[in-house]
Amino acid sequence: MRTRIFTTTLLCVMLGGAVACQPADDAKSPAASGPSAAPPTSTTKDPASSKPAKDEKATVPNFVGMGLQSAQDAAQELGFYALTSHDALGRGRMQALDRNWKVCNQSLPAGTSTAVTTTLDFGAVKLEEACPAQEAEAPSTAGGKMPDFTGKSVKAARGALDASTSITVADATADGRMVLMESNWQVCGQTPSPGAALNGQPVELMAVKFGEDCA
């Protein structure tokens, strides 16, 4: 045994002297490898955790006069994520680019305290347009009568009629233009006349672009 210990010691000295000889198991021991590093702690904030609880309430501010995009951002900062908007002029246009629209009215008055899950609806017009003093009521076929579509957009007229109704739309001027984007055209004339009974008959609409006078 002494011969084996002496031989091992001599071998260590011959291999460098400065290299310490330790049992092989020492390399696996916690002491040899130093203190273990603690698992990294994530500092990333979960976006969902920043949202208010569903039963939380917030006070609705005054959004009127703000750009639609700015109004939506401000509402979300307060926790309102159920947001919608509509054309305040009743033409049925989509707010495809919110930054091009401004808020004219809101579904809940400023100062109202309500749950943040409440849907907020913004009535909006394009930046260059004036807000209406009051939104006009959408045309309705209640009672089975033909509504008066005069001044309404072709899109609003189509939306008021039954989906199965056969509808023909023509340019009221002599130019014979195609009516492609119906929200940009207003009704000047119609058949059947307002008040006529609706029994599935075809409907004809004569229209011009908004900003033009009916011929």
C-alpha atoms as a PDB file:
ATOM      1  CA  MET A   1       0.000   0.000   0.000  1.00  0.00           C
ATOM      2  CA  ARG A   2       2.798   2.421   0.867  1.00  0.00           C
ATOM      3  CA  THR A   3       4.485   1.619  -2.454  1.00  0.00           C
ATOM      4  CA  ARG A   4       1.270   2.479  -4.365  1.00  0.00           C
ATOM      5  CA  ILE A   5       0.836   5.813  -2.477  1.00  0.00           C
ATOM      6  CA  PHE A   6       4.458   6.763  -3.048  1.00  0.00           C
ATOM      7  CA  THR A   7       4.219   5.908  -6.748  1.00  0.00           C
ATOM      8  CA  THR A   8       1.078   8.069  -7.161  1.00  0.00           C
ATOM      9  CA  THR A   9       2.709  11.013  -5.360  1.00  0.00           C
ATOM     10  CA  LEU A  10       5.830  10.754  -7.456  1.00  0.00           C
ATOM     11  CA  LEU A  11       3.774  10.648 -10.651  1.00  0.00           C
ATOM     12  CA  CYS A  12       1.988  13.847  -9.654  1.00  0.00           C
ATOM     13  CA  VAL A  13       5.260  15.643  -9.053  1.00  0.00           C
ATOM     14  CA  MET A  14       6.651  14.490 -12.384  1.00  0.00           C
ATOM     15  CA  LEU A  15       3.587  15.702 -14.301  1.00  0.00           C
ATOM     16  CA  GLY A  16       3.964  19.259 -13.164  1.00  0.00           C
ATOM     17  CA  GLY A  17       4.109  19.647  -9.464  1.00  0.00           C
ATOM     18  CA  ALA A  18       1.822  22.633  -9.602  1.00  0.00           C
ATOM     19  CA  VAL A  19      -1.151  20.476 -10.606  1.00  0.00           C
ATOM     20  CA  ALA A  20      -2.995  19.234  -7.576  1.00  0.00           C
ATOM     21  CA  CYS A  21      -3.955  15.576  -7.542  1.00  0.00           C
ATOM     22  CA  GLN A  22      -7.469  15.059  -6.274  1.00  0.00           C
ATOM     23  CA  PRO A  23      -9.749  12.080  -6.261  1.00  0.00           C
ATOM     24  CA  ALA A  24     -11.767  11.765  -9.455  1.00  0.00           C
ATOM     25  CA  ASP A  25     -15.005  12.135  -7.527  1.00  0.00           C
ATOM     26  CA  ASP A  26     -13.977  15.648  -6.399  1.00  0.00           C
ATOM     27  CA  ALA A  27     -14.692  16.986  -9.893  1.00  0.00           C
ATOM     28  CA  LYS A  28     -18.302  16.062  -9.418  1.00  0.00           C
ATOM     29  CA  SER A  29     -18.677  17.475  -5.928  1.00  0.00           C
ATOM     30  CA  PRO A  30     -20.457  20.818  -5.383  1.00  0.00           C
ATOM     31  CA  ALA A  31     -17.391  22.188  -3.579  1.00  0.00           C
ATOM     32  CA  ALA A  32     -15.151  21.583  -6.595  1.00  0.00           C
ATOM     33  CA  SER A  33     -17.469  23.263  -9.067  1.00  0.00           C
ATOM     34  CA  GLY A  34     -18.159  26.314  -6.874  1.00  0.00           C
ATOM     35  CA  PRO A  35     -21.569  27.626  -5.824  1.00  0.00           C
ATOM     36  CA  SER A  36     -24.323  26.630  -8.220  1.00  0.00           C
ATOM     37  CA  ALA A  37     -25.856  29.457 -10.254  1.00  0.00           C
ATOM     38  CA  ALA A  38     -29.490  30.190  -9.470  1.00  0.00           C
ATOM     39  CA  PRO A  39     -31.864  29.811 -12.426  1.00  0.00           C
ATOM     40  CA  PRO A  40     -32.356  33.148 -14.218  1.00  0.00           C
ATOM     41  CA  THR A  41     -35.390  35.092 -13.136  1.00  0.00           C
ATOM     42  CA  SER A  42     -37.490  36.451 -16.005  1.00  0.00           C
ATOM     43  CA  THR A  43     -38.210  40.193 -15.806  1.00  0.00           C
ATOM     44  CA  THR A  44     -40.442  40.170 -18.875  1.00  0.00           C
ATOM     45  CA  LYS A  45     -43.894  41.432 -18.011  1.00  0.00           C
ATOM     46  CA  ASP A  46     -46.821  39.381 -19.196  1.00  0.00           C
ATOM     47  CA  PRO A  47     -48.989  41.710 -21.335  1.00  0.00           C
ATOM     48  CA  ALA A  48     -52.095  39.973 -20.052  1.00  0.00           C
ATOM     49  CA  SER A  49     -51.182  40.813 -16.451  1.00  0.00           C
ATOM     50  CA  SER A  50     -51.282  44.536 -17.256  1.00  0.00           C
ATOM     51  CA  LYS A  51     -54.953  44.336 -18.218  1.00  0.00           C
ATOM     52  CA  PRO A  52     -57.429  45.253 -15.483  1.00  0.00           C
ATOM     53  CA  ALA A  53     -59.561  42.508 -13.986  1.00  0.00           C
ATOM     54  CA  LYS A  54     -62.854  41.844 -15.713  1.00  0.00           C
ATOM     55  CA  ASP A  55     -64.871  43.158 -12.769  1.00  0.00           C
ATOM     56  CA  GLU A  56     -62.854  46.375 -12.596  1.00  0.00           C
ATOM     57  CA  LYS A  57     -64.553  49.666 -13.365  1.00  0.00           C
ATOM     58  CA  ALA A  58     -63.252  52.816 -15.015  1.00  0.00           C
ATOM     59  CA  THR A  59     -64.591  56.263 -15.775  1.00  0.00           C
ATOM     60  CA  VAL A  60     -65.323  56.942 -19.437  1.00  0.00           C
ATOM     61  CA  PRO A  61     -63.536  60.110 -20.601  1.00  0.00           C
ATOM     62  CA  ASN A  62     -64.679  62.531 -23.298  1.00  0.00           C
ATOM     63  CA  PHE A  63     -63.464  61.137 -26.638  1.00  0.00           C
ATOM     64  CA  VAL A  64     -65.383  63.587 -28.853  1.00  0.00           C
ATOM     65  CA  GLY A  65     -63.064  65.554 -31.121  1.00  0.00           C
ATOM     66  CA  MET A  66     -60.211  63.059 -30.853  1.00  0.00           C
ATOM     67  CA  GLY A  67     -58.849  61.148 -33.799  1.00  0.00           C
ATOM     68  CA  LEU A  68     -60.406  57.701 -33.863  1.00  0.00           C
ATOM     69  CA  GLN A  69     -57.066  55.924 -33.441  1.00  0.00           C
ATOM     70  CA  SER A  70     -56.099  58.174 -30.520  1.00  0.00           C
ATOM     71  CA  ALA A  71     -59.484  57.596 -28.879  1.00  0.00           C
ATOM     72  CA  GLN A  72     -59.096  53.840 -29.184  1.00  0.00           C
ATOM     73  CA  ASP A  73     -55.584  53.946 -27.723  1.00  0.00           C
ATOM     74  CA  ALA A  74     -56.748  56.085 -24.792  1.00  0.00           C
ATOM     75  CA  ALA A  75     -59.669  53.728 -24.132  1.00  0.00           C
ATOM     76  CA  GLN A  76     -57.377  50.713 -24.084  1.00  0.00           C
ATOM     77  CA  GLU A  77     -55.040  52.403 -21.614  1.00  0.00           C
ATOM     78  CA  LEU A  78     -57.997  52.574 -19.227  1.00  0.00           C
ATOM     79  CA  GLY A  79     -58.799  48.904 -19.803  1.00  0.00           C
ATOM     80  CA  PHE A  80     -61.567  49.184 -22.402  1.00  0.00           C
ATOM     81  CA  TYR A  81     -60.765  46.633 -25.099  1.00  0.00           C
ATOM     82  CA  ALA A  82     -64.268  46.034 -26.488  1.00  0.00           C
ATOM     83  CA  LEU A  83     -64.266  48.878 -29.013  1.00  0.00           C
ATOM     84  CA  THR A  84     -66.287  49.453 -32.159  1.00  0.00           C
ATOM     85  CA  SER A  85     -67.063  52.376 -34.464  1.00  0.00           C
ATOM     86  CA  HIS A  86     -69.521  53.357 -37.175  1.00  0.00           C
ATOM     87  CA  ASP A  87     -70.079  56.008 -39.822  1.00  0.00           C
ATOM     88  CA  ALA A  88     -71.795  58.921 -38.067  1.00  0.00           C
ATOM     89  CA  LEU A  89     -73.173  60.166 -41.401  1.00  0.00           C
ATOM     90  CA  GLY A  90     -75.153  56.951 -41.867  1.00  0.00           C
ATOM     91  CA  ARG A  91     -73.453  56.047 -45.124  1.00  0.00           C
ATOM     92  CA  GLY A  92     -72.243  52.691 -43.869  1.00  0.00           C
ATOM     93  CA  ARG A  93     -68.582  53.324 -44.615  1.00  0.00           C
ATOM     94  CA  MET A  94     -65.962  51.170 -42.932  1.00  0.00           C
ATOM     95  CA  GLN A  95     -63.281  52.817 -40.809  1.00  0.00           C
ATOM     96  CA  ALA A  96     -60.501  51.001 -42.624  1.00  0.00           C
ATOM     97  CA  LEU A  97     -57.781  53.471 -41.578  1.00  0.00           C
ATOM     98  CA  ASP A  98     -58.666  54.814 -38.131  1.00  0.00           C
ATOM     99  CA  ARG A  99     -56.201  57.705 -38.331  1.00  0.00           C
ATOM    100  CA  ASN A 100     -58.295  59.214 -41.145  1.00  0.00           C
ATOM    101  CA  TRP A 101     -61.387  59.461 -38.929  1.00  0.00           C
ATOM    102  CA  LYS A 102     -62.407  61.596 -35.936  1.00  0.00           C
ATOM    103  CA  VAL A 103     -64.895  60.920 -33.144  1.00  0.00           C
ATOM    104  CA  CYS A 104     -68.237  62.767 -33.247  1.00  0.00           C
ATOM    105  CA  ASN A 105     -70.082  60.917 -30.495  1.00  0.00           C
ATOM    106  CA  GLN A 106     -69.692  58.001 -28.116  1.00  0.00           C
ATOM    107  CA  SER A 107     -72.091  55.365 -26.854  1.00  0.00           C
ATOM    108  CA  LEU A 108     -71.522  56.228 -23.172  1.00  0.00           C
ATOM    109  CA  PRO A 109     -71.398  59.833 -21.914  1.00  0.00           C
ATOM    110  CA  ALA A 110     -68.147  61.154 -20.482  1.00  0.00           C
ATOM    111  CA  GLY A 111     -67.980  60.686 -16.720  1.00  0.00           C
ATOM    112  CA  THR A 112     -69.864  57.384 -16.735  1.00  0.00           C
ATOM    113  CA  SER A 113     -68.377  54.756 -14.416  1.00  0.00           C
ATOM    114  CA  THR A 114     -68.737  51.309 -15.938  1.00  0.00           C
ATOM    115  CA  ALA A 115     -67.103  47.892 -16.134  1.00  0.00           C
ATOM    116  CA  VAL A 116     -64.092  47.796 -18.431  1.00  0.00           C
ATOM    117  CA  THR A 117     -65.737  44.914 -20.306  1.00  0.00           C
ATOM    118  CA  THR A 118     -68.430  47.323 -21.569  1.00  0.00           C
ATOM    119  CA  THR A 119     -68.390  47.884 -25.339  1.00  0.00           C
ATOM    120  CA  LEU A 120     -67.664  51.464 -26.386  1.00  0.00           C
ATOM    121  CA  ASP A 121     -68.995  52.539 -29.780  1.00  0.00           C
ATOM    122  CA  PHE A 122     -67.652  55.641 -31.527  1.00  0.00           C
ATOM    123  CA  GLY A 123     -69.609  57.522 -34.191  1.00  0.00           C
ATOM    124  CA  ALA A 124     -67.018  58.954 -36.565  1.00  0.00           C
ATOM    125  CA  VAL A 125     -66.552  60.928 -39.781  1.00  0.00           C
ATOM    126  CA  LYS A 126     -63.521  61.514 -41.952  1.00  0.00           C
ATOM    127  CA  LEU A 127     -61.132  64.261 -40.845  1.00  0.00           C
ATOM    128  CA  GLU A 128     -62.247  66.707 -43.534  1.00  0.00           C
ATOM    129  CA  GLU A 129     -65.965  66.217 -42.802  1.00  0.00           C
ATOM    130  CA  ALA A 130     -68.184  68.009 -40.295  1.00  0.00           C
ATOM    131  CA  CYS A 131     -69.896  66.027 -37.581  1.00  0.00           C
ATOM    132  CA  PRO A 132     -73.698  65.910 -37.930  1.00  0.00           C
ATOM    133  CA  ALA A 133     -75.746  67.718 -35.311  1.00  0.00           C
ATOM    134  CA  GLN A 134     -77.608  64.456 -34.815  1.00  0.00           C
ATOM    135  CA  GLU A 135     -77.235  61.072 -36.416  1.00  0.00           C
ATOM    136  CA  ALA A 136     -80.095  60.223 -38.757  1.00  0.00           C
ATOM    137  CA  GLU A 137     -82.018  57.033 -38.140  1.00  0.00           C
ATOM    138  CA  ALA A 138     -81.229  54.139 -40.442  1.00  0.00           C
ATOM    139  CA  PRO A 139     -83.983  53.368 -42.983  1.00  0.00           C
ATOM    140  CA  SER A 140     -86.285  50.541 -41.949  1.00  0.00           C
ATOM    141  CA  THR A 141     -88.848  48.343 -43.674  1.00  0.00           C
ATOM    142  CA  ALA A 142     -90.832  47.860 -40.475  1.00  0.00           C
ATOM    143  CA  GLY A 143     -94.487  47.396 -41.274  1.00  0.00           C
ATOM    144  CA  GLY A 144     -93.692  46.014 -44.719  1.00  0.00           C
ATOM    145  CA  LYS A 145     -93.549  49.471 -46.313  1.00  0.00           C
ATOM    146  CA  MET A 146     -90.951  50.852 -48.709  1.00  0.00           C
ATOM    147  CA  PRO A 147     -88.763  53.398 -46.850  1.00  0.00           C
ATOM    148  CA  ASP A 148     -87.859  56.791 -48.246  1.00  0.00           C
ATOM    149  CA  PHE A 149     -84.237  56.344 -49.309  1.00  0.00           C
ATOM    150  CA  THR A 150     -83.767  59.880 -50.641  1.00  0.00           C
ATOM    151  CA  GLY A 151     -80.410  61.237 -49.483  1.00  0.00           C
ATOM    152  CA  LYS A 152     -79.405  57.896 -47.998  1.00  0.00           C
ATOM    153  CA  SER A 153     -76.420  55.975 -49.277  1.00  0.00           C
ATOM    154  CA  VAL A 154     -77.067  53.137 -51.669  1.00  0.00           C
ATOM    155  CA  LYS A 155     -75.301  50.871 -49.179  1.00  0.00           C
ATOM    156  CA  ALA A 156     -77.725  51.905 -46.402  1.00  0.00           C
ATOM    157  CA  ALA A 157     -80.677  51.328 -48.716  1.00  0.00           C
ATOM    158  CA  ARG A 158     -79.461  47.875 -49.661  1.00  0.00           C
ATOM    159  CA  GLY A 159     -78.909  47.050 -46.004  1.00  0.00           C
ATOM    160  CA  ALA A 160     -82.478  48.014 -45.119  1.00  0.00           C
ATOM    161  CA  LEU A 161     -84.034  45.707 -47.708  1.00  0.00           C
ATOM    162  CA  ASP A 162     -84.384  41.972 -47.409  1.00  0.00           C
ATOM    163  CA  ALA A 163     -81.284  40.122 -48.603  1.00  0.00           C
ATOM    164  CA  SER A 164     -83.388  38.303 -51.212  1.00  0.00           C
ATOM    165  CA  THR A 165     -84.578  41.546 -52.841  1.00  0.00           C
ATOM    166  CA  SER A 166     -83.554  42.115 -56.450  1.00  0.00           C
ATOM    167  CA  ILE A 167     -81.985  45.588 -56.572  1.00  0.00           C
ATOM    168  CA  THR A 168     -80.929  47.606 -59.608  1.00  0.00           C
ATOM    169  CA  VAL A 169     -78.808  50.741 -59.118  1.00  0.00           C
ATOM    170  CA  ALA A 170     -78.180  53.262 -61.887  1.00  0.00           C
ATOM    171  CA  ASP A 171     -76.466  56.628 -62.287  1.00  0.00           C
ATOM    172  CA  ALA A 172     -79.101  59.370 -62.104  1.00  0.00           C
ATOM    173  CA  THR A 173     -77.079  61.546 -64.481  1.00  0.00           C
ATOM    174  CA  ALA A 174     -76.660  60.977 -68.202  1.00  0.00           C
ATOM    175  CA  ASP A 175     -73.062  59.817 -67.681  1.00  0.00           C
ATOM    176  CA  GLY A 176     -74.006  56.200 -67.131  1.00  0.00           C
ATOM    177  CA  ARG A 177     -71.327  55.615 -64.499  1.00  0.00           C
ATOM    178  CA  MET A 178     -70.999  52.330 -62.671  1.00  0.00           C
ATOM    179  CA  VAL A 179     -72.019  52.436 -59.025  1.00  0.00           C
ATOM    180  CA  LEU A 180     -69.127  50.532 -57.513  1.00  0.00           C
ATOM    181  CA  MET A 181     -68.619  51.789 -53.949  1.00  0.00           C
ATOM    182  CA  GLU A 182     -72.217  52.135 -52.808  1.00  0.00           C
ATOM    183  CA  SER A 183     -71.360  54.043 -49.618  1.00  0.00           C
ATOM    184  CA  ASN A 184     -70.189  56.931 -51.836  1.00  0.00           C
ATOM    185  CA  TRP A 185     -73.503  57.244 -53.699  1.00  0.00           C
ATOM    186  CA  GLN A 186     -76.758  58.798 -52.473  1.00  0.00           C
ATOM    187  CA  VAL A 187     -80.251  57.837 -53.598  1.00  0.00           C
ATOM    188  CA  CYS A 188     -82.129  60.406 -55.666  1.00  0.00           C
ATOM    189  CA  GLY A 189     -85.090  58.320 -56.807  1.00  0.00           C
ATOM    190  CA  GLN A 190     -86.590  54.921 -56.217  1.00  0.00           C
ATOM    191  CA  THR A 191     -89.182  52.442 -57.408  1.00  0.00           C
ATOM    192  CA  PRO A 192     -91.447  51.456 -55.658  1.00  0.00           C
ATOM    193  CA  SER A 193     -92.222  54.845 -54.138  1.00  0.00           C
ATOM    194  CA  PRO A 194     -91.888  55.456 -50.396  1.00  0.00           C
ATOM    195  CA  GLY A 195     -94.762  53.912 -48.465  1.00  0.00           C
ATOM    196  CA  ALA A 196     -95.589  51.270 -51.077  1.00  0.00           C
ATOM    197  CA  ALA A 197     -96.220  47.772 -49.805  1.00  0.00           C
ATOM    198  CA  LEU A 198     -93.248  45.464 -50.124  1.00  0.00           C
ATOM    199  CA  ASN A 199     -94.199  42.066 -51.517  1.00  0.00           C
ATOM    200  CA  GLY A 200     -90.903  40.862 -52.945  1.00  0.00           C
ATOM    201  CA  GLN A 201     -90.965  43.049 -56.055  1.00  0.00           C
ATOM    202  CA  PRO A 202     -87.658  44.259 -57.580  1.00  0.00           C
ATOM    203  CA  VAL A 203     -86.349  47.635 -56.397  1.00  0.00           C
ATOM    204  CA  GLU A 204     -84.758  50.265 -58.629  1.00  0.00           C
ATOM    205  CA  LEU A 205     -82.562  53.037 -57.241  1.00  0.00           C
ATOM    206  CA  MET A 206     -81.276  56.124 -59.042  1.00  0.00           C
ATOM    207  CA  ALA A 207     -78.221  57.695 -57.461  1.00  0.00           C
ATOM    208  CA  VAL A 208     -75.450  60.271 -57.727  1.00  0.00           C
ATOM    209  CA  LYS A 209     -72.209  60.613 -55.812  1.00  0.00           C
ATOM    210  CA  PHE A 210     -72.302  62.456 -52.497  1.00  0.00           C
ATOM    211  CA  GLY A 211     -71.553  66.112 -53.114  1.00  0.00           C
ATOM    212  CA  GLU A 212     -73.414  66.080 -56.436  1.00  0.00           C
ATOM    213  CA  ASP A 213     -76.928  67.390 -56.983  1.00  0.00           C
ATOM    214  CA  CYS A 214     -79.603  64.964 -58.006  1.00  0.00           C
ATOM    215  CA  ALA A 215     -80.445  65.441 -61.682  1.00  0.00           C
END
